[in-house]
Amino acid sequence: MPTTEAEVLRVLAALTAVGASPRVAGGWGVDALAGRQTRDHRDLDVMVLADRLGSALEALRDLGYEVSTDWLPVRVEVSAGDRHVDLHPLNPSPDGGSWQAGLDGARFDYPAEVWTTGRIGGHDVSCLTAPRQRDLHGGYQHRAEDRHDLAVLEALDPSTA
């Protein structure tokens, strides 16, 4: 069963309530840019403030989620049955942007301008811009859902092609 729009909104509300400043990425981030759900999603990819990760995990535990994959400091996935949330800790940068730890000591920088506002279920959400989403789809073999997301991004912003 896919992660539903209602579940995404429930998770984002819980993360917001604990001050984790959730920012949507991945497939739901693409759909937030489109302003509507364009496909089924296995999970919700969401970036949260690293210093609020403990509170975020506790809030999700209250919703029935348990850690299913721990690759911290890069990411941690929590699951509740067939519902999945992939949390990516973000660390603030002095310039107003943020950064995320990567595997093998890598670091991914997110300047302030890569964030925008999208809509999920009629609610404003913070999400990555179309060009940044496009960038994140590089360097790996695309699955059907990746090709779908790239087509949505191109329709929204042809300069991302």
Protein backbone atom coordinates (compact mmCIF):
# COMPACT_ATOMS: atom_id res chain seq x y z
CA MET A 1 0.00 0.00 0.00
CA PRO A 2 1.44 3.38 -0.90
CA THR A 3 2.06 6.25 1.48
CA THR A 4 -1.09 8.33 1.11
CA GLU A 5 -1.56 12.07 0.95
CA ALA A 6 -3.43 11.96 4.27
CA GLU A 7 -0.51 10.12 5.90
CA VAL A 8 1.98 12.63 4.48
CA LEU A 9 0.00 15.49 6.01
CA ARG A 10 -0.26 13.65 9.35
CA VAL A 11 3.51 13.06 9.42
CA LEU A 12 4.35 16.64 8.42
CA ALA A 13 2.03 17.99 11.13
CA ALA A 14 3.72 15.82 13.76
CA LEU A 15 7.19 16.90 12.61
CA THR A 16 6.19 20.56 12.56
CA ALA A 17 4.73 20.27 16.07
CA VAL A 18 8.14 19.24 17.46
CA GLY A 19 10.02 22.01 15.64
CA ALA A 20 11.74 19.72 13.12
CA SER A 21 11.02 22.10 10.18
CA PRO A 22 10.14 19.33 7.69
CA ARG A 23 11.11 19.85 4.06
CA VAL A 24 9.74 17.46 1.48
CA ALA A 25 11.99 15.85 -1.15
CA GLY A 26 11.79 12.81 -3.41
CA GLY A 27 8.59 11.84 -5.18
CA TRP A 28 6.30 13.68 -2.78
CA GLY A 29 8.53 16.75 -3.27
CA VAL A 30 7.93 16.54 -7.02
CA ASP A 31 4.20 16.20 -6.40
CA ALA A 32 4.30 19.18 -4.01
CA LEU A 33 5.76 21.24 -6.86
CA ALA A 34 3.00 19.97 -9.17
CA GLY A 35 0.41 20.81 -6.50
CA ARG A 36 -1.21 17.39 -6.85
CA GLN A 37 -0.40 13.71 -6.45
CA THR A 38 0.82 12.36 -9.78
CA ARG A 39 1.69 8.77 -8.78
CA ASP A 40 1.71 6.30 -5.87
CA HIS A 41 4.60 6.65 -3.41
CA ARG A 42 6.22 3.91 -1.34
CA ASP A 43 7.51 6.45 1.18
CA LEU A 44 7.85 10.08 2.15
CA ASP A 45 11.35 11.56 1.91
CA VAL A 46 11.57 14.45 4.34
CA MET A 47 14.47 16.50 5.58
CA VAL A 48 14.40 17.59 9.22
CA LEU A 49 16.68 19.68 11.40
CA ALA A 50 19.43 17.41 12.69
CA ASP A 51 19.18 18.84 16.20
CA ARG A 52 15.46 17.91 16.27
CA LEU A 53 15.90 14.38 14.91
CA GLY A 54 15.34 12.77 18.32
CA SER A 55 12.09 14.69 18.78
CA ALA A 56 11.07 13.83 15.20
CA LEU A 57 11.66 10.11 15.81
CA GLU A 58 9.68 10.29 19.05
CA ALA A 59 6.78 12.06 17.31
CA LEU A 60 6.73 9.41 14.59
CA ARG A 61 6.94 6.65 17.20
CA ASP A 62 3.74 8.13 18.64
CA LEU A 63 2.17 7.60 15.18
CA GLY A 64 3.19 3.92 15.20
CA TYR A 65 6.50 4.17 13.31
CA GLU A 66 9.66 2.28 14.32
CA VAL A 67 13.18 2.52 12.93
CA SER A 68 13.58 0.04 10.06
CA THR A 69 16.85 1.30 8.48
CA ASP A 70 19.50 3.28 10.37
CA TRP A 71 22.19 4.87 8.20
CA LEU A 72 22.74 7.84 10.46
CA PRO A 73 24.07 10.45 10.13
CA VAL A 74 22.94 10.17 6.48
CA ARG A 75 19.34 8.96 6.89
CA VAL A 76 17.00 6.90 8.99
CA GLU A 77 13.88 5.19 7.71
CA VAL A 78 10.93 4.52 9.97
CA SER A 79 8.09 2.18 9.11
CA ALA A 80 4.62 1.39 10.38
CA GLY A 81 3.47 -1.66 8.47
CA ASP A 82 3.54 -0.65 4.82
CA ARG A 83 3.93 3.08 5.58
CA HIS A 84 7.48 4.45 5.37
CA VAL A 85 9.14 7.78 6.14
CA ASP A 86 12.75 8.41 5.17
CA LEU A 87 14.24 11.14 7.41
CA HIS A 88 17.30 13.06 6.22
CA PRO A 89 18.94 15.21 8.93
CA LEU A 90 19.84 18.76 7.85
CA ASN A 91 22.42 20.92 9.57
CA PRO A 92 22.16 24.72 9.29
CA SER A 93 25.00 26.58 7.54
CA PRO A 94 26.16 30.07 8.56
CA ASP A 95 25.07 31.44 5.15
CA GLY A 96 21.40 30.54 5.74
CA GLY A 97 21.55 27.29 3.82
CA SER A 98 21.98 23.80 5.18
CA TRP A 99 23.93 20.61 4.58
CA GLN A 100 23.35 16.88 4.85
CA ALA A 101 25.93 14.22 5.62
CA GLY A 102 26.53 11.69 2.89
CA LEU A 103 28.09 8.25 2.80
CA ASP A 104 31.86 7.95 3.21
CA GLY A 105 32.23 11.48 4.57
CA ALA A 106 30.50 13.19 1.65
CA ARG A 107 28.52 16.36 2.26
CA PHE A 108 25.53 17.69 0.33
CA ASP A 109 24.98 21.44 0.46
CA TYR A 110 21.56 23.05 0.18
CA PRO A 111 21.84 26.81 -0.36
CA ALA A 112 18.78 28.76 0.84
CA GLU A 113 17.61 29.29 -2.75
CA VAL A 114 16.99 25.56 -3.38
CA TRP A 115 13.91 25.65 -1.14
CA THR A 116 10.46 26.73 -2.24
CA THR A 117 6.84 26.23 -1.27
CA GLY A 118 4.70 23.51 -2.79
CA ARG A 119 1.27 22.12 -1.98
CA ILE A 120 0.14 18.72 -0.77
CA GLY A 121 -3.54 18.15 -0.16
CA GLY A 122 -4.20 21.88 -0.30
CA HIS A 123 -1.55 22.63 2.36
CA ASP A 124 1.62 24.64 1.79
CA VAL A 125 4.79 22.62 2.40
CA SER A 126 8.47 23.43 2.14
CA CYS A 127 10.12 21.44 -0.64
CA LEU A 128 13.07 21.43 -3.00
CA THR A 129 12.92 23.46 -6.21
CA ALA A 130 12.51 21.74 -9.59
CA PRO A 131 16.17 22.31 -10.61
CA ARG A 132 17.44 20.81 -7.31
CA GLN A 133 15.06 17.86 -7.60
CA ARG A 134 16.40 17.29 -11.11
CA ASP A 135 19.99 17.39 -9.78
CA LEU A 136 19.14 14.72 -7.22
CA HIS A 137 17.98 12.39 -9.99
CA GLY A 138 21.51 12.16 -11.41
CA GLY A 139 24.16 9.49 -11.09
CA TYR A 140 22.05 6.35 -10.88
CA GLN A 141 19.95 4.03 -13.04
CA HIS A 142 16.42 5.44 -13.23
CA ARG A 143 13.42 3.33 -12.27
CA ALA A 144 9.95 3.88 -13.77
CA GLU A 145 9.00 6.23 -10.92
CA ASP A 146 12.18 8.28 -11.46
CA ARG A 147 11.37 8.66 -15.16
CA HIS A 148 7.85 9.72 -14.19
CA ASP A 149 9.16 12.31 -11.70
CA LEU A 150 11.61 13.69 -14.26
CA ALA A 151 8.79 14.09 -16.79
CA VAL A 152 6.71 15.97 -14.20
CA LEU A 153 9.69 18.21 -13.42
CA GLU A 154 10.27 18.92 -17.09
CA ALA A 155 6.61 19.84 -17.59
CA LEU A 156 6.81 22.21 -14.62
CA ASP A 157 10.14 23.76 -15.56
CA PRO A 158 11.52 22.94 -19.02
CA SER A 159 14.86 24.49 -17.99
CA THR A 160 15.43 21.44 -15.76
CA ALA A 161 15.62 19.11 -18.77
